[in-house]
Amino acid sequence: MGMEDFDELVSSLTPREDNEAISSYQNTTAVACPACEQPFDDMVVCKNELTSLNLDMELDLCTTIHDGNVVIFTHKP
């Protein structure tokens, strides 16, 4: 995913959380996941080399790498 594509994707999402470890965004407009092309629920950008995510529900996940950071797209089954 190129920088221009990533910036366009982020601009289409609603910011939810931004801290040292992660940035998270909610997909409120049914944007397609770049990995599976289905609408996703949330996008999480992991900023640290090691990051732990606590999930409170079962989710399907798609991933990619952008600018050296892992990007996770969540899909509620």
PDB file of N, CA and C in Angstrom:
ATOM      1  N   MET A   1       0.864  -1.172   0.000  1.00  0.00           N
ATOM      2  CA  MET A   1       0.000   0.000   0.000  1.00  0.00           C
ATOM      3  C   MET A   1       0.905   1.227   0.000  1.00  0.00           C
ATOM      4  N   GLY A   2       0.730   2.084  -0.999  1.00  0.00           N
ATOM      5  CA  GLY A   2       1.543   3.284  -1.100  1.00  0.00           C
ATOM      6  C   GLY A   2       1.090   4.367  -0.127  1.00  0.00           C
ATOM      7  N   MET A   3       1.956   5.339   0.093  1.00  0.00           N
ATOM      8  CA  MET A   3       1.671   6.420   1.043  1.00  0.00           C
ATOM      9  C   MET A   3       0.418   7.189   0.637  1.00  0.00           C
ATOM     10  N   GLU A   4       0.253   7.456  -0.646  1.00  0.00           N
ATOM     11  CA  GLU A   4      -0.922   8.196  -1.121  1.00  0.00           C
ATOM     12  C   GLU A   4      -2.208   7.404  -0.856  1.00  0.00           C
ATOM     13  N   ASP A   5      -2.169   6.095  -1.136  1.00  0.00           N
ATOM     14  CA  ASP A   5      -3.328   5.235  -0.877  1.00  0.00           C
ATOM     15  C   ASP A   5      -3.636   5.186   0.615  1.00  0.00           C
ATOM     16  N   PHE A   6      -2.591   5.097   1.454  1.00  0.00           N
ATOM     17  CA  PHE A   6      -2.787   5.030   2.897  1.00  0.00           C
ATOM     18  C   PHE A   6      -3.390   6.330   3.413  1.00  0.00           C
ATOM     19  N   ASP A   7      -2.865   7.456   2.982  1.00  0.00           N
ATOM     20  CA  ASP A   7      -3.393   8.753   3.414  1.00  0.00           C
ATOM     21  C   ASP A   7      -4.855   8.919   3.000  1.00  0.00           C
ATOM     22  N   GLU A   8      -5.197   8.455   1.803  1.00  0.00           N
ATOM     23  CA  GLU A   8      -6.579   8.530   1.328  1.00  0.00           C
ATOM     24  C   GLU A   8      -7.481   7.631   2.189  1.00  0.00           C
ATOM     25  N   LEU A   9      -6.991   6.437   2.524  1.00  0.00           N
ATOM     26  CA  LEU A   9      -7.746   5.528   3.376  1.00  0.00           C
ATOM     27  C   LEU A   9      -7.994   6.156   4.750  1.00  0.00           C
ATOM     28  N   VAL A  10      -6.953   6.689   5.376  1.00  0.00           N
ATOM     29  CA  VAL A  10      -7.079   7.302   6.705  1.00  0.00           C
ATOM     30  C   VAL A  10      -8.058   8.470   6.671  1.00  0.00           C
ATOM     31  N   SER A  11      -8.027   9.256   5.618  1.00  0.00           N
ATOM     32  CA  SER A  11      -8.922  10.418   5.536  1.00  0.00           C
ATOM     33  C   SER A  11     -10.392  10.014   5.421  1.00  0.00           C
ATOM     34  N   SER A  12     -10.665   8.744   5.044  1.00  0.00           N
ATOM     35  CA  SER A  12     -12.031   8.254   4.922  1.00  0.00           C
ATOM     36  C   SER A  12     -12.556   7.636   6.215  1.00  0.00           C
ATOM     37  N   LEU A  13     -11.688   7.523   7.241  1.00  0.00           N
ATOM     38  CA  LEU A  13     -12.044   6.851   8.484  1.00  0.00           C
ATOM     39  C   LEU A  13     -12.214   7.845   9.628  1.00  0.00           C
ATOM     40  N   THR A  14     -12.869   7.394  10.710  1.00  0.00           N
ATOM     41  CA  THR A  14     -13.093   8.223  11.895  1.00  0.00           C
ATOM     42  C   THR A  14     -12.050   7.865  12.954  1.00  0.00           C
ATOM     43  N   PRO A  15     -11.189   8.818  13.355  1.00  0.00           N
ATOM     44  CA  PRO A  15     -10.181   8.527  14.390  1.00  0.00           C
ATOM     45  C   PRO A  15     -10.843   8.134  15.707  1.00  0.00           C
ATOM     46  N   ARG A  16     -10.284   7.128  16.399  1.00  0.00           N
ATOM     47  CA  ARG A  16     -10.821   6.665  17.678  1.00  0.00           C
ATOM     48  C   ARG A  16      -9.806   6.763  18.801  1.00  0.00           C
ATOM     49  N   GLU A  17      -8.569   6.359  18.572  1.00  0.00           N
ATOM     50  CA  GLU A  17      -7.558   6.365  19.621  1.00  0.00           C
ATOM     51  C   GLU A  17      -6.205   6.625  18.994  1.00  0.00           C
ATOM     52  N   ASP A  18      -5.361   7.386  19.702  1.00  0.00           N
ATOM     53  CA  ASP A  18      -4.005   7.641  19.231  1.00  0.00           C
ATOM     54  C   ASP A  18      -3.111   7.772  20.454  1.00  0.00           C
ATOM     55  N   ASN A  19      -2.203   6.816  20.633  1.00  0.00           N
ATOM     56  CA  ASN A  19      -1.251   6.867  21.738  1.00  0.00           C
ATOM     57  C   ASN A  19       0.102   6.386  21.241  1.00  0.00           C
ATOM     58  N   GLU A  20       1.063   6.147  22.141  1.00  0.00           N
ATOM     59  CA  GLU A  20       2.402   5.739  21.714  1.00  0.00           C
ATOM     60  C   GLU A  20       2.402   4.405  20.990  1.00  0.00           C
ATOM     61  N   ALA A  21       1.487   3.510  21.364  1.00  0.00           N
ATOM     62  CA  ALA A  21       1.502   2.151  20.837  1.00  0.00           C
ATOM     63  C   ALA A  21       0.687   1.977  19.562  1.00  0.00           C
ATOM     64  N   ILE A  22      -0.503   2.617  19.502  1.00  0.00           N
ATOM     65  CA  ILE A  22      -1.398   2.387  18.361  1.00  0.00           C
ATOM     66  C   ILE A  22      -2.124   3.664  17.948  1.00  0.00           C
ATOM     67  N   SER A  23      -2.614   3.637  16.723  1.00  0.00           N
ATOM     68  CA  SER A  23      -3.629   4.585  16.246  1.00  0.00           C
ATOM     69  C   SER A  23      -4.772   3.714  15.752  1.00  0.00           C
ATOM     70  N   SER A  24      -5.994   4.036  16.158  1.00  0.00           N
ATOM     71  CA  SER A  24      -7.123   3.244  15.676  1.00  0.00           C
ATOM     72  C   SER A  24      -8.166   4.150  15.045  1.00  0.00           C
ATOM     73  N   TYR A  25      -8.841   3.581  14.060  1.00  0.00           N
ATOM     74  CA  TYR A  25      -9.826   4.309  13.268  1.00  0.00           C
ATOM     75  C   TYR A  25     -11.036   3.418  13.051  1.00  0.00           C
ATOM     76  N   GLN A  26     -12.215   3.999  13.055  1.00  0.00           N
ATOM     77  CA  GLN A  26     -13.441   3.258  12.774  1.00  0.00           C
ATOM     78  C   GLN A  26     -13.872   3.533  11.341  1.00  0.00           C
ATOM     79  N   ASN A  27     -14.310   2.492  10.677  1.00  0.00           N
ATOM     80  CA  ASN A  27     -14.773   2.588   9.293  1.00  0.00           C
ATOM     81  C   ASN A  27     -16.284   2.835   9.322  1.00  0.00           C
ATOM     82  N   THR A  28     -16.685   4.077   9.260  1.00  0.00           N
ATOM     83  CA  THR A  28     -18.105   4.425   9.332  1.00  0.00           C
ATOM     84  C   THR A  28     -18.737   4.584   7.954  1.00  0.00           C
ATOM     85  N   THR A  29     -17.952   4.425   6.894  1.00  0.00           N
ATOM     86  CA  THR A  29     -18.477   4.638   5.544  1.00  0.00           C
ATOM     87  C   THR A  29     -18.337   3.416   4.636  1.00  0.00           C
ATOM     88  N   ALA A  30     -18.102   2.221   5.235  1.00  0.00           N
ATOM     89  CA  ALA A  30     -18.018   0.953   4.492  1.00  0.00           C
ATOM     90  C   ALA A  30     -16.912   0.941   3.437  1.00  0.00           C
ATOM     91  N   VAL A  31     -15.749   1.510   3.780  1.00  0.00           N
ATOM     92  CA  VAL A  31     -14.584   1.461   2.900  1.00  0.00           C
ATOM     93  C   VAL A  31     -14.125   0.005   2.795  1.00  0.00           C
ATOM     94  N   ALA A  32     -13.678  -0.408   1.611  1.00  0.00           N
ATOM     95  CA  ALA A  32     -13.230  -1.786   1.393  1.00  0.00           C
ATOM     96  C   ALA A  32     -11.840  -2.009   1.984  1.00  0.00           C
ATOM     97  N   CYS A  33     -11.642  -3.181   2.564  1.00  0.00           N
ATOM     98  CA  CYS A  33     -10.348  -3.598   3.094  1.00  0.00           C
ATOM     99  C   CYS A  33      -9.376  -3.801   1.924  1.00  0.00           C
ATOM    100  N   PRO A  34      -8.165  -3.262   2.013  1.00  0.00           N
ATOM    101  CA  PRO A  34      -7.221  -3.455   0.910  1.00  0.00           C
ATOM    102  C   PRO A  34      -6.777  -4.908   0.737  1.00  0.00           C
ATOM    103  N   ALA A  35      -6.907  -5.722   1.799  1.00  0.00           N
ATOM    104  CA  ALA A  35      -6.478  -7.117   1.714  1.00  0.00           C
ATOM    105  C   ALA A  35      -7.541  -8.029   1.110  1.00  0.00           C
ATOM    106  N   CYS A  36      -8.804  -7.903   1.573  1.00  0.00           N
ATOM    107  CA  CYS A  36      -9.841  -8.837   1.119  1.00  0.00           C
ATOM    108  C   CYS A  36     -10.954  -8.161   0.314  1.00  0.00           C
ATOM    109  N   GLU A  37     -10.910  -6.849   0.235  1.00  0.00           N
ATOM    110  CA  GLU A  37     -11.859  -6.049  -0.548  1.00  0.00           C
ATOM    111  C   GLU A  37     -13.288  -6.058   0.006  1.00  0.00           C
ATOM    112  N   GLN A  38     -13.472  -6.514   1.261  1.00  0.00           N
ATOM    113  CA  GLN A  38     -14.766  -6.452   1.934  1.00  0.00           C
ATOM    114  C   GLN A  38     -14.727  -5.274   2.913  1.00  0.00           C
ATOM    115  N   PRO A  39     -15.863  -4.661   3.217  1.00  0.00           N
ATOM    116  CA  PRO A  39     -15.852  -3.578   4.211  1.00  0.00           C
ATOM    117  C   PRO A  39     -15.317  -4.094   5.552  1.00  0.00           C
ATOM    118  N   PHE A  40     -14.525  -3.276   6.231  1.00  0.00           N
ATOM    119  CA  PHE A  40     -13.970  -3.648   7.527  1.00  0.00           C
ATOM    120  C   PHE A  40     -14.574  -2.756   8.602  1.00  0.00           C
ATOM    121  N   ASP A  41     -14.395  -3.147   9.869  1.00  0.00           N
ATOM    122  CA  ASP A  41     -14.963  -2.386  10.977  1.00  0.00           C
ATOM    123  C   ASP A  41     -13.987  -1.343  11.527  1.00  0.00           C
ATOM    124  N   ASP A  42     -12.769  -1.780  11.811  1.00  0.00           N
ATOM    125  CA  ASP A  42     -11.764  -0.879  12.385  1.00  0.00           C
ATOM    126  C   ASP A  42     -10.408  -1.139  11.754  1.00  0.00           C
ATOM    127  N   MET A  43      -9.567  -0.100  11.768  1.00  0.00           N
ATOM    128  CA  MET A  43      -8.187  -0.220  11.330  1.00  0.00           C
ATOM    129  C   MET A  43      -7.313   0.178  12.507  1.00  0.00           C
ATOM    130  N   VAL A  44      -6.320  -0.662  12.822  1.00  0.00           N
ATOM    131  CA  VAL A  44      -5.391  -0.389  13.912  1.00  0.00           C
ATOM    132  C   VAL A  44      -3.981  -0.356  13.332  1.00  0.00           C
ATOM    133  N   VAL A  45      -3.260   0.734  13.580  1.00  0.00           N
ATOM    134  CA  VAL A  45      -1.871   0.867  13.157  1.00  0.00           C
ATOM    135  C   VAL A  45      -1.006   0.661  14.398  1.00  0.00           C
ATOM    136  N   CYS A  46      -0.165  -0.376  14.389  1.00  0.00           N
ATOM    137  CA  CYS A  46       0.729  -0.670  15.515  1.00  0.00           C
ATOM    138  C   CYS A  46       2.030   0.101  15.311  1.00  0.00           C
ATOM    139  N   LYS A  47       2.345   1.002  16.242  1.00  0.00           N
ATOM    140  CA  LYS A  47       3.505   1.881  16.090  1.00  0.00           C
ATOM    141  C   LYS A  47       4.788   1.294  16.672  1.00  0.00           C
ATOM    142  N   ASN A  48       4.666   0.361  17.614  1.00  0.00           N
ATOM    143  CA  ASN A  48       5.841  -0.226  18.253  1.00  0.00           C
ATOM    144  C   ASN A  48       6.172  -1.569  17.630  1.00  0.00           C
ATOM    145  N   GLU A  49       7.428  -1.989  17.802  1.00  0.00           N
ATOM    146  CA  GLU A  49       7.844  -3.282  17.271  1.00  0.00           C
ATOM    147  C   GLU A  49       7.046  -4.410  17.919  1.00  0.00           C
ATOM    148  N   LEU A  50       6.776  -4.285  19.223  1.00  0.00           N
ATOM    149  CA  LEU A  50       5.975  -5.270  19.951  1.00  0.00           C
ATOM    150  C   LEU A  50       4.763  -4.568  20.531  1.00  0.00           C
ATOM    151  N   THR A  51       3.583  -5.017  20.164  1.00  0.00           N
ATOM    152  CA  THR A  51       2.335  -4.417  20.642  1.00  0.00           C
ATOM    153  C   THR A  51       1.357  -5.532  20.969  1.00  0.00           C
ATOM    154  N   SER A  52       0.685  -5.408  22.105  1.00  0.00           N
ATOM    155  CA  SER A  52      -0.325  -6.372  22.510  1.00  0.00           C
ATOM    156  C   SER A  52      -1.694  -5.732  22.377  1.00  0.00           C
ATOM    157  N   LEU A  53      -2.622  -6.449  21.763  1.00  0.00           N
ATOM    158  CA  LEU A  53      -3.991  -5.959  21.620  1.00  0.00           C
ATOM    159  C   LEU A  53      -4.921  -6.849  22.426  1.00  0.00           C
ATOM    160  N   ASN A  54      -5.758  -6.251  23.242  1.00  0.00           N
ATOM    161  CA  ASN A  54      -6.748  -7.005  24.015  1.00  0.00           C
ATOM    162  C   ASN A  54      -8.073  -6.932  23.281  1.00  0.00           C
ATOM    163  N   LEU A  55      -8.519  -8.066  22.773  1.00  0.00           N
ATOM    164  CA  LEU A  55      -9.758  -8.122  21.998  1.00  0.00           C
ATOM    165  C   LEU A  55     -10.880  -8.647  22.885  1.00  0.00           C
ATOM    166  N   ASP A  56     -11.996  -7.947  22.889  1.00  0.00           N
ATOM    167  CA  ASP A  56     -13.110  -8.369  23.717  1.00  0.00           C
ATOM    168  C   ASP A  56     -14.168  -9.143  22.927  1.00  0.00           C
ATOM    169  N   MET A  57     -13.877  -9.445  21.681  1.00  0.00           N
ATOM    170  CA  MET A  57     -14.801 -10.239  20.869  1.00  0.00           C
ATOM    171  C   MET A  57     -14.013 -10.972  19.792  1.00  0.00           C
ATOM    172  N   GLU A  58     -14.633 -11.983  19.220  1.00  0.00           N
ATOM    173  CA  GLU A  58     -14.010 -12.725  18.138  1.00  0.00           C
ATOM    174  C   GLU A  58     -14.062 -11.886  16.866  1.00  0.00           C
ATOM    175  N   LEU A  59     -12.915 -11.754  16.200  1.00  0.00           N
ATOM    176  CA  LEU A  59     -12.826 -10.947  14.982  1.00  0.00           C
ATOM    177  C   LEU A  59     -12.028 -11.689  13.924  1.00  0.00           C
ATOM    178  N   ASP A  60     -12.383 -11.472  12.672  1.00  0.00           N
ATOM    179  CA  ASP A  60     -11.529 -11.882  11.566  1.00  0.00           C
ATOM    180  C   ASP A  60     -10.577 -10.719  11.316  1.00  0.00           C
ATOM    181  N   LEU A  61      -9.323 -11.038  11.010  1.00  0.00           N
ATOM    182  CA  LEU A  61      -8.315 -10.002  10.833  1.00  0.00           C
ATOM    183  C   LEU A  61      -7.649 -10.106   9.481  1.00  0.00           C
ATOM    184  N   CYS A  62      -7.392  -8.953   8.874  1.00  0.00           N
ATOM    185  CA  CYS A  62      -6.540  -8.849   7.687  1.00  0.00           C
ATOM    186  C   CYS A  62      -5.386  -7.927   8.089  1.00  0.00           C
ATOM    187  N   THR A  63      -4.220  -8.118   7.500  1.00  0.00           N
ATOM    188  CA  THR A  63      -3.075  -7.289   7.860  1.00  0.00           C
ATOM    189  C   THR A  63      -2.313  -6.834   6.623  1.00  0.00           C
ATOM    190  N   THR A  64      -1.561  -5.766   6.822  1.00  0.00           N
ATOM    191  CA  THR A  64      -0.618  -5.288   5.821  1.00  0.00           C
ATOM    192  C   THR A  64       0.491  -4.549   6.574  1.00  0.00           C
ATOM    193  N   ILE A  65       1.493  -4.139   5.862  1.00  0.00           N
ATOM    194  CA  ILE A  65       2.580  -3.337   6.429  1.00  0.00           C
ATOM    195  C   ILE A  65       2.561  -1.997   5.709  1.00  0.00           C
ATOM    196  N   HIS A  66       2.642  -0.911   6.481  1.00  0.00           N
ATOM    197  CA  HIS A  66       2.749   0.414   5.880  1.00  0.00           C
ATOM    198  C   HIS A  66       3.810   1.200   6.623  1.00  0.00           C
ATOM    199  N   ASP A  67       4.803   1.684   5.900  1.00  0.00           N
ATOM    200  CA  ASP A  67       5.860   2.515   6.470  1.00  0.00           C
ATOM    201  C   ASP A  67       6.523   1.825   7.669  1.00  0.00           C
ATOM    202  N   GLY A  68       6.695   0.496   7.579  1.00  0.00           N
ATOM    203  CA  GLY A  68       7.336  -0.270   8.641  1.00  0.00           C
ATOM    204  C   GLY A  68       6.424  -0.620   9.808  1.00  0.00           C
ATOM    205  N   ASN A  69       5.169  -0.220   9.761  1.00  0.00           N
ATOM    206  CA  ASN A  69       4.218  -0.513  10.837  1.00  0.00           C
ATOM    207  C   ASN A  69       3.196  -1.548  10.388  1.00  0.00           C
ATOM    208  N   VAL A  70       2.819  -2.441  11.301  1.00  0.00           N
ATOM    209  CA  VAL A  70       1.762  -3.411  11.021  1.00  0.00           C
ATOM    210  C   VAL A  70       0.425  -2.681  11.068  1.00  0.00           C
ATOM    211  N   VAL A  71      -0.416  -2.929  10.077  1.00  0.00           N
ATOM    212  CA  VAL A  71      -1.765  -2.359  10.019  1.00  0.00           C
ATOM    213  C   VAL A  71      -2.742  -3.526  10.024  1.00  0.00           C
ATOM    214  N   ILE A  72      -3.696  -3.493  10.970  1.00  0.00           N
ATOM    215  CA  ILE A  72      -4.674  -4.562  11.125  1.00  0.00           C
ATOM    216  C   ILE A  72      -6.062  -4.028  10.780  1.00  0.00           C
ATOM    217  N   PHE A  73      -6.781  -4.802   9.988  1.00  0.00           N
ATOM    218  CA  PHE A  73      -8.161  -4.471   9.638  1.00  0.00           C
ATOM    219  C   PHE A  73      -9.059  -5.506  10.303  1.00  0.00           C
ATOM    220  N   THR A  74     -10.018  -5.081  11.116  1.00  0.00           N
ATOM    221  CA  THR A  74     -10.889  -6.017  11.819  1.00  0.00           C
ATOM    222  C   THR A  74     -12.211  -6.176  11.089  1.00  0.00           C
ATOM    223  N   HIS A  75     -12.710  -7.406  11.112  1.00  0.00           N
ATOM    224  CA  HIS A  75     -13.999  -7.741  10.506  1.00  0.00           C
ATOM    225  C   HIS A  75     -14.786  -8.539  11.544  1.00  0.00           C
ATOM    226  N   LYS A  76     -15.972  -8.061  11.922  1.00  0.00           N
ATOM    227  CA  LYS A  76     -16.820  -8.834  12.813  1.00  0.00           C
ATOM    228  C   LYS A  76     -17.471  -9.950  12.008  1.00  0.00           C
ATOM    229  N   PRO A  77     -17.352 -11.211  12.492  1.00  0.00           N
ATOM    230  CA  PRO A  77     -17.917 -12.336  11.721  1.00  0.00           C
ATOM    231  C   PRO A  77     -19.429 -12.316  11.701  1.00  0.00           C
TER     232      PRO A  77
END
